[in-house]
C-alpha atoms as a PDB file:
ATOM      1  CA  MET A   1      53.539  89.790  17.403  1.00  0.00           C
ATOM      2  CA  SER A   2      54.581  86.122  17.306  1.00  0.00           C
ATOM      3  CA  GLU A   3      57.339  84.583  19.660  1.00  0.00           C
ATOM      4  CA  LYS A   4      57.982  81.792  16.960  1.00  0.00           C
ATOM      5  CA  VAL A   5      61.488  80.937  16.285  1.00  0.00           C
ATOM      6  CA  CYS A   6      62.690  80.165  12.609  1.00  0.00           C
ATOM      7  CA  ILE A   7      66.063  79.126  11.245  1.00  0.00           C
ATOM      8  CA  VAL A   8      67.247  80.474   8.013  1.00  0.00           C
ATOM      9  CA  THR A   9      70.152  78.469   6.364  1.00  0.00           C
ATOM     10  CA  GLY A  10      72.205  80.216   3.990  1.00  0.00           C
ATOM     11  CA  GLY A  11      71.173  83.370   5.779  1.00  0.00           C
ATOM     12  CA  PHE A  12      74.218  85.405   4.918  1.00  0.00           C
ATOM     13  CA  GLY A  13      73.556  85.231   1.189  1.00  0.00           C
ATOM     14  CA  PHE A  14      71.386  87.614  -0.715  1.00  0.00           C
ATOM     15  CA  LEU A  15      68.065  85.649  -0.715  1.00  0.00           C
ATOM     16  CA  GLY A  16      68.618  84.276   2.791  1.00  0.00           C
ATOM     17  CA  SER A  17      69.189  87.733   4.318  1.00  0.00           C
ATOM     18  CA  HIS A  18      65.954  88.905   2.781  1.00  0.00           C
ATOM     19  CA  VAL A  19      64.139  85.881   4.153  1.00  0.00           C
ATOM     20  CA  ALA A  20      65.556  86.475   7.635  1.00  0.00           C
ATOM     21  CA  THR A  21      64.751  90.256   7.497  1.00  0.00           C
ATOM     22  CA  GLU A  22      61.180  89.552   6.489  1.00  0.00           C
ATOM     23  CA  ALA A  23      60.644  86.826   9.149  1.00  0.00           C
ATOM     24  CA  ALA A  24      61.904  89.325  11.728  1.00  0.00           C
ATOM     25  CA  ALA A  25      59.696  92.093  10.511  1.00  0.00           C
ATOM     26  CA  ARG A  26      56.710  89.490  10.971  1.00  0.00           C
ATOM     27  CA  GLY A  27      57.774  88.940  14.595  1.00  0.00           C
ATOM     28  CA  TYR A  28      59.903  85.780  14.426  1.00  0.00           C
ATOM     29  CA  LYS A  29      62.978  85.389  16.631  1.00  0.00           C
ATOM     30  CA  VAL A  30      65.483  84.348  13.861  1.00  0.00           C
ATOM     31  CA  ALA A  31      68.431  82.099  13.895  1.00  0.00           C
ATOM     32  CA  VAL A  32      70.699  82.585  10.899  1.00  0.00           C
ATOM     33  CA  LEU A  33      73.075  79.810   9.788  1.00  0.00           C
ATOM     34  CA  ASP A  34      75.716  79.988   7.031  1.00  0.00           C
ATOM     35  CA  LEU A  35      79.126  78.593   5.927  1.00  0.00           C
ATOM     36  CA  SER A  36      80.566  81.987   5.731  1.00  0.00           C
ATOM     37  CA  THR A  37      81.962  83.486   8.910  1.00  0.00           C
ATOM     38  CA  ASN A  38      81.196  87.037   7.775  1.00  0.00           C
ATOM     39  CA  ALA A  39      77.479  88.358   8.165  1.00  0.00           C
ATOM     40  CA  PRO A  40      76.591  90.970   5.637  1.00  0.00           C
ATOM     41  CA  GLU A  41      76.794  94.537   6.922  1.00  0.00           C
ATOM     42  CA  GLY A  42      73.644  95.614   8.458  1.00  0.00           C
ATOM     43  CA  LEU A  43      72.013  92.261   8.837  1.00  0.00           C
ATOM     44  CA  SER A  44      72.111  92.170  12.629  1.00  0.00           C
ATOM     45  CA  ASP A  45      70.309  95.532  12.742  1.00  0.00           C
ATOM     46  CA  LYS A  46      67.784  94.263  10.345  1.00  0.00           C
ATOM     47  CA  VAL A  47      66.898  90.949  12.162  1.00  0.00           C
ATOM     48  CA  GLY A  48      67.067  92.429  15.736  1.00  0.00           C
ATOM     49  CA  ALA A  49      68.920  91.985  18.926  1.00  0.00           C
ATOM     50  CA  SER A  50      67.176  88.807  19.830  1.00  0.00           C
ATOM     51  CA  ALA A  51      68.554  86.959  16.506  1.00  0.00           C
ATOM     52  CA  LEU A  52      71.179  84.531  16.699  1.00  0.00           C
ATOM     53  CA  LEU A  53      73.794  84.621  13.835  1.00  0.00           C
ATOM     54  CA  LYS A  54      75.961  81.511  13.394  1.00  0.00           C
ATOM     55  CA  GLY A  55      78.635  81.552  10.693  1.00  0.00           C
ATOM     56  CA  GLY A  56      80.996  78.792  10.003  1.00  0.00           C
ATOM     57  CA  VAL A  57      78.329  75.931   9.921  1.00  0.00           C
ATOM     58  CA  ASP A  58      79.034  73.381   7.345  1.00  0.00           C
ATOM     59  CA  LEU A  59      75.558  72.472   6.300  1.00  0.00           C
ATOM     60  CA  THR A  60      76.855  69.457   4.068  1.00  0.00           C
ATOM     61  CA  ASP A  61      77.965  67.797   7.509  1.00  0.00           C
ATOM     62  CA  LEU A  62      75.130  66.271   9.546  1.00  0.00           C
ATOM     63  CA  ASN A  63      76.924  66.523  12.799  1.00  0.00           C
ATOM     64  CA  SER A  64      77.748  70.119  12.259  1.00  0.00           C
ATOM     65  CA  VAL A  65      74.177  70.835  11.516  1.00  0.00           C
ATOM     66  CA  THR A  66      72.875  68.910  14.469  1.00  0.00           C
ATOM     67  CA  GLN A  67      75.196  70.604  16.896  1.00  0.00           C
ATOM     68  CA  ALA A  68      74.015  74.004  15.502  1.00  0.00           C
ATOM     69  CA  LEU A  69      70.246  73.165  15.801  1.00  0.00           C
ATOM     70  CA  THR A  70      70.807  71.910  19.114  1.00  0.00           C
ATOM     71  CA  GLU A  71      72.435  75.218  20.232  1.00  0.00           C
ATOM     72  CA  ILE A  72      69.508  77.131  18.678  1.00  0.00           C
ATOM     73  CA  HIS A  73      66.923  75.130  20.412  1.00  0.00           C
ATOM     74  CA  THR A  74      68.849  75.543  23.802  1.00  0.00           C
ATOM     75  CA  HIS A  75      68.985  79.230  23.154  1.00  0.00           C
ATOM     76  CA  PHE A  76      65.488  79.930  22.382  1.00  0.00           C
ATOM     77  CA  GLY A  77      63.559  76.865  23.861  1.00  0.00           C
ATOM     78  CA  ARG A  78      61.831  76.154  20.531  1.00  0.00           C
ATOM     79  CA  ILE A  79      62.191  75.813  16.646  1.00  0.00           C
ATOM     80  CA  ASP A  80      58.841  76.473  14.772  1.00  0.00           C
ATOM     81  CA  ALA A  81      60.092  76.947  11.231  1.00  0.00           C
ATOM     82  CA  LEU A  82      62.988  75.900   8.988  1.00  0.00           C
ATOM     83  CA  PHE A  83      63.835  77.750   5.784  1.00  0.00           C
ATOM     84  CA  ASN A  84      66.351  75.900   3.760  1.00  0.00           C
ATOM     85  CA  ILE A  85      67.776  78.714   1.664  1.00  0.00           C
ATOM     86  CA  ALA A  86      71.301  77.666   1.369  1.00  0.00           C
ATOM     87  CA  GLY A  87      72.367  76.464  -2.147  1.00  0.00           C
ATOM     88  CA  GLY A  88      74.283  77.318  -5.081  1.00  0.00           C
ATOM     89  CA  PHE A  89      74.358  77.389  -9.045  1.00  0.00           C
ATOM     90  CA  ARG A  90      76.640  76.509 -11.824  1.00  0.00           C
ATOM     91  CA  TRP A  91      75.934  76.732 -15.628  1.00  0.00           C
ATOM     92  CA  GLU A  92      77.930  74.433 -17.834  1.00  0.00           C
ATOM     93  CA  THR A  93      77.371  71.871 -20.555  1.00  0.00           C
ATOM     94  CA  LEU A  94      78.129  68.234 -20.094  1.00  0.00           C
ATOM     95  CA  GLU A  95      80.522  68.482 -22.914  1.00  0.00           C
ATOM     96  CA  GLY A  96      82.493  71.506 -21.736  1.00  0.00           C
ATOM     97  CA  GLY A  97      82.038  71.025 -17.936  1.00  0.00           C
ATOM     98  CA  SER A  98      83.214  68.649 -15.222  1.00  0.00           C
ATOM     99  CA  THR A  99      81.100  65.740 -13.886  1.00  0.00           C
ATOM    100  CA  ASP A 100      82.451  66.974 -10.535  1.00  0.00           C
ATOM    101  CA  THR A 101      79.879  69.809 -10.632  1.00  0.00           C
ATOM    102  CA  TRP A 102      77.190  67.382 -10.369  1.00  0.00           C
ATOM    103  CA  GLY A 103      78.483  66.164  -7.101  1.00  0.00           C
ATOM    104  CA  LEU A 104      79.243  69.793  -5.921  1.00  0.00           C
ATOM    105  CA  LEU A 105      75.587  70.860  -6.534  1.00  0.00           C
ATOM    106  CA  GLN A 106      74.306  67.801  -4.950  1.00  0.00           C
ATOM    107  CA  ARG A 107      76.055  68.732  -1.806  1.00  0.00           C
ATOM    108  CA  MET A 108      75.179  72.489  -1.970  1.00  0.00           C
ATOM    109  CA  ASN A 109      71.612  72.144  -2.888  1.00  0.00           C
ATOM    110  CA  LEU A 110      70.185  68.766  -1.824  1.00  0.00           C
ATOM    111  CA  GLN A 111      72.533  67.647   1.092  1.00  0.00           C
ATOM    112  CA  THR A 112      72.311  71.045   2.929  1.00  0.00           C
ATOM    113  CA  ALA A 113      68.525  70.703   2.908  1.00  0.00           C
ATOM    114  CA  LEU A 114      68.560  66.961   3.762  1.00  0.00           C
ATOM    115  CA  ASN A 115      70.737  67.460   6.771  1.00  0.00           C
ATOM    116  CA  SER A 116      68.774  70.495   8.009  1.00  0.00           C
ATOM    117  CA  CYS A 117      65.459  68.628   7.848  1.00  0.00           C
ATOM    118  CA  LYS A 118      66.822  65.453   9.504  1.00  0.00           C
ATOM    119  CA  ALA A 119      68.293  67.658  12.300  1.00  0.00           C
ATOM    120  CA  VAL A 120      65.205  69.733  13.123  1.00  0.00           C
ATOM    121  CA  LEU A 121      62.859  66.805  13.082  1.00  0.00           C
ATOM    122  CA  PRO A 122      63.377  65.795  16.814  1.00  0.00           C
ATOM    123  CA  PHE A 123      62.506  69.201  17.812  1.00  0.00           C
ATOM    124  CA  MET A 124      59.430  69.774  15.782  1.00  0.00           C
ATOM    125  CA  LYS A 125      58.054  66.269  16.509  1.00  0.00           C
ATOM    126  CA  ALA A 126      58.610  66.758  20.359  1.00  0.00           C
ATOM    127  CA  ALA A 127      56.593  70.111  19.897  1.00  0.00           C
ATOM    128  CA  GLY A 128      53.912  68.478  17.825  1.00  0.00           C
ATOM    129  CA  LYS A 129      54.088  71.103  15.068  1.00  0.00           C
ATOM    130  CA  GLY A 130      56.496  72.725  12.523  1.00  0.00           C
ATOM    131  CA  ARG A 131      56.964  74.251   9.211  1.00  0.00           C
ATOM    132  CA  ILE A 132      59.665  73.408   6.669  1.00  0.00           C
ATOM    133  CA  VAL A 133      60.132  75.313   3.383  1.00  0.00           C
ATOM    134  CA  ASN A 134      62.725  74.298   0.938  1.00  0.00           C
ATOM    135  CA  ILE A 135      64.046  76.117  -2.183  1.00  0.00           C
ATOM    136  CA  GLY A 136      63.654  74.173  -5.384  1.00  0.00           C
ATOM    137  CA  ALA A 137      63.734  75.417  -8.986  1.00  0.00           C
ATOM    138  CA  ALA A 138      61.423  75.990 -11.872  1.00  0.00           C
ATOM    139  CA  ALA A 139      64.409  74.915 -13.915  1.00  0.00           C
ATOM    140  CA  ALA A 140      64.169  71.360 -12.339  1.00  0.00           C
ATOM    141  CA  LEU A 141      60.823  70.847 -14.003  1.00  0.00           C
ATOM    142  CA  LYS A 142      62.334  71.126 -17.517  1.00  0.00           C
ATOM    143  CA  ALA A 143      66.048  71.636 -17.635  1.00  0.00           C
ATOM    144  CA  GLY A 144      67.603  73.760 -20.338  1.00  0.00           C
ATOM    145  CA  MET A 145      71.057  73.573 -21.805  1.00  0.00           C
ATOM    146  CA  GLY A 146      73.822  73.811 -19.413  1.00  0.00           C
ATOM    147  CA  MET A 147      71.282  73.432 -16.541  1.00  0.00           C
ATOM    148  CA  GLY A 148      71.656  69.592 -16.117  1.00  0.00           C
ATOM    149  CA  SER A 149      73.682  69.559 -12.783  1.00  0.00           C
ATOM    150  CA  TYR A 150      71.649  72.396 -11.249  1.00  0.00           C
ATOM    151  CA  ALA A 151      68.281  70.925 -12.136  1.00  0.00           C
ATOM    152  CA  ALA A 152      69.215  67.376 -10.867  1.00  0.00           C
ATOM    153  CA  SER A 153      70.059  68.685  -7.622  1.00  0.00           C
ATOM    154  CA  LYS A 154      66.900  70.610  -7.369  1.00  0.00           C
ATOM    155  CA  ALA A 155      64.861  67.793  -8.442  1.00  0.00           C
ATOM    156  CA  GLY A 156      66.323  65.915  -5.498  1.00  0.00           C
ATOM    157  CA  VAL A 157      65.010  68.791  -3.244  1.00  0.00           C
ATOM    158  CA  HIS A 158      61.475  68.633  -4.813  1.00  0.00           C
ATOM    159  CA  LYS A 159      61.482  64.638  -4.098  1.00  0.00           C
ATOM    160  CA  LEU A 160      62.754  65.278  -0.619  1.00  0.00           C
ATOM    161  CA  THR A 161      60.025  67.747  -0.103  1.00  0.00           C
ATOM    162  CA  GLU A 162      57.219  65.532  -1.339  1.00  0.00           C
ATOM    163  CA  SER A 163      58.431  62.401   0.358  1.00  0.00           C
ATOM    164  CA  LEU A 164      58.984  64.083   3.823  1.00  0.00           C
ATOM    165  CA  ALA A 165      55.715  65.774   3.622  1.00  0.00           C
ATOM    166  CA  GLU A 166      54.021  62.320   3.267  1.00  0.00           C
ATOM    167  CA  GLU A 167      56.221  61.081   6.061  1.00  0.00           C
ATOM    168  CA  LEU A 168      55.075  63.847   8.445  1.00  0.00           C
ATOM    169  CA  LYS A 169      51.401  64.145   7.679  1.00  0.00           C
ATOM    170  CA  GLY A 170      50.373  62.723  11.062  1.00  0.00           C
ATOM    171  CA  ASP A 171      52.770  65.042  12.973  1.00  0.00           C
ATOM    172  CA  ASN A 172      51.388  68.407  12.176  1.00  0.00           C
ATOM    173  CA  ILE A 173      54.557  69.425  10.393  1.00  0.00           C
ATOM    174  CA  THR A 174      54.151  70.786   6.850  1.00  0.00           C
ATOM    175  CA  VAL A 175      56.941  70.542   4.263  1.00  0.00           C
ATOM    176  CA  ASN A 176      56.741  72.616   1.016  1.00  0.00           C
ATOM    177  CA  ALA A 177      59.115  73.918  -1.591  1.00  0.00           C
ATOM    178  CA  VAL A 178      59.156  77.237  -3.755  1.00  0.00           C
ATOM    179  CA  LEU A 179      60.257  76.948  -7.291  1.00  0.00           C
ATOM    180  CA  PRO A 180      61.437  80.308  -8.447  1.00  0.00           C
ATOM    181  CA  SER A 181      62.688  81.090 -11.963  1.00  0.00           C
ATOM    182  CA  ILE A 182      65.471  83.774 -12.151  1.00  0.00           C
ATOM    183  CA  ILE A 183      65.773  85.662  -8.811  1.00  0.00           C
ATOM    184  CA  ASP A 184      66.619  89.322  -9.098  1.00  0.00           C
ATOM    185  CA  THR A 185      70.020  89.334  -7.481  1.00  0.00           C
ATOM    186  CA  PRO A 186      73.072  91.536  -8.134  1.00  0.00           C
ATOM    187  CA  THR A 187      74.920  88.374  -9.306  1.00  0.00           C
ATOM    188  CA  ASN A 188      72.317  87.534 -11.856  1.00  0.00           C
ATOM    189  CA  ARG A 189      72.194  91.286 -13.106  1.00  0.00           C
ATOM    190  CA  ALA A 190      75.971  91.091 -13.613  1.00  0.00           C
ATOM    191  CA  ASP A 191      75.704  87.768 -15.498  1.00  0.00           C
ATOM    192  CA  MET A 192      72.712  88.714 -17.709  1.00  0.00           C
ATOM    193  CA  PRO A 193      73.057  92.529 -18.061  1.00  0.00           C
ATOM    194  CA  ASP A 194      70.934  92.721 -21.069  1.00  0.00           C
ATOM    195  CA  ALA A 195      67.900  90.997 -19.489  1.00  0.00           C
ATOM    196  CA  ASP A 196      64.526  92.389 -18.525  1.00  0.00           C
ATOM    197  CA  PHE A 197      65.026  92.515 -14.697  1.00  0.00           C
ATOM    198  CA  SER A 198      61.537  93.603 -14.083  1.00  0.00           C
ATOM    199  CA  ALA A 199      60.432  89.970 -15.302  1.00  0.00           C
ATOM    200  CA  TRP A 200      62.336  88.185 -12.686  1.00  0.00           C
ATOM    201  CA  VAL A 201      61.238  87.275  -9.092  1.00  0.00           C
ATOM    202  CA  SER A 202      62.152  89.804  -6.500  1.00  0.00           C
ATOM    203  CA  ALA A 203      63.887  88.479  -3.311  1.00  0.00           C
ATOM    204  CA  ASP A 204      61.100  90.236  -1.352  1.00  0.00           C
ATOM    205  CA  ASP A 205      58.406  88.493  -3.108  1.00  0.00           C
ATOM    206  CA  LEU A 206      60.013  85.169  -2.747  1.00  0.00           C
ATOM    207  CA  ALA A 207      60.532  85.732   0.972  1.00  0.00           C
ATOM    208  CA  ALA A 208      56.993  86.845   1.384  1.00  0.00           C
ATOM    209  CA  THR A 209      55.794  83.517  -0.299  1.00  0.00           C
ATOM    210  CA  ILE A 210      58.047  81.559   2.027  1.00  0.00           C
ATOM    211  CA  LEU A 211      56.692  83.225   4.954  1.00  0.00           C
ATOM    212  CA  PHE A 212      53.080  82.642   3.861  1.00  0.00           C
ATOM    213  CA  LEU A 213      53.868  78.680   3.626  1.00  0.00           C
ATOM    214  CA  ALA A 214      55.040  79.087   7.299  1.00  0.00           C
ATOM    215  CA  SER A 215      51.970  80.768   8.583  1.00  0.00           C
ATOM    216  CA  ASP A 216      48.995  79.419  10.156  1.00  0.00           C
ATOM    217  CA  GLU A 217      46.879  80.258   7.010  1.00  0.00           C
ATOM    218  CA  ALA A 218      48.980  77.698   5.056  1.00  0.00           C
ATOM    219  CA  ARG A 219      48.409  74.821   7.591  1.00  0.00           C
ATOM    220  CA  ALA A 220      46.479  72.818   5.094  1.00  0.00           C
ATOM    221  CA  ILE A 221      49.244  73.058   2.403  1.00  0.00           C
ATOM    222  CA  THR A 222      52.013  70.323   2.567  1.00  0.00           C
ATOM    223  CA  GLY A 223      54.021  68.569  -0.124  1.00  0.00           C
ATOM    224  CA  ALA A 224      53.392  71.452  -2.473  1.00  0.00           C
ATOM    225  CA  LEU A 225      55.986  72.429  -5.187  1.00  0.00           C
ATOM    226  CA  LEU A 226      54.901  76.096  -5.640  1.00  0.00           C
ATOM    227  CA  PRO A 227      56.170  77.915  -8.881  1.00  0.00           C
ATOM    228  CA  VAL A 228      57.054  81.452  -8.154  1.00  0.00           C
ATOM    229  CA  THR A 229      58.235  82.468 -11.561  1.00  0.00           C
ATOM    230  CA  GLY A 230      57.341  86.149 -11.909  1.00  0.00           C
ATOM    231  CA  ARG A 231      56.978  86.822 -15.600  1.00  0.00           C
ATOM    232  CA  VAL A 232      59.812  84.720 -16.918  1.00  0.00           C
END
C-alpha cells in the first residue's frame, strides 16, 4: 500500500467525497478541504482514521489555501497529489441571467483551482515530484445555450492546466484535467428527471480516471485535457 498523501478540494461534495474515498481505498493518506464546515455523514469512516478533514477553508482566498496546505504538509510531512474538485454550476441565458454569475463561476471554478495549484507548488517542487488533476468540462469545448458562464470558467481551467503543465515539465510534476459531460449526481437527477441516467458519467468512474492520472503509470501524461463523457 502507498504512503502517498493527496489533497481533495471540495471534498465534502458528491464527487469530492467519491474521489477521497477512492484515494483512501488505493492507499493514499487523504486531506479533504471544503468551504462547508459539515462533512457528509460517513465520510470520515470511508477515508480512514489517518485522514485529515478540514472544513471552513475559503479556496477563493490564496492566504486561506496556503495556510491549509501548510498545515497539511506539517501534519503528513509530504504532499504527493492535488485533486481540484471544488467548483460549481449555473445554467442561465445571458438575456435572462446576471453578469454577476460570470464572476461567481470564475471564482468557484477557476480561482479555487488556481489558488490550490499555486499553494501546492513549493511543496511539490521541494519534493521533486507531484501530480495535479483539475476538473474541466466537456461543455467548455463547445458551449450550449445557457452554458456560457460555466463554460468560460472551465475553459480557464483548461488553459491553466495546459500552461502549468508546460511550466513544470522540468520538475517531474504532471498537470492534467478531466473533462466530464454530465455527472450522475442526485442534484443532476433531480434537475433532469426524464434523462437517461445510464448514459451519464458515474462519480466512481470519474474518480478512477482521476486516480489513474495521479498514478506512476501516467507519469508520461501531462497537459492532457481528457474527455470523460460516458455515452452523452
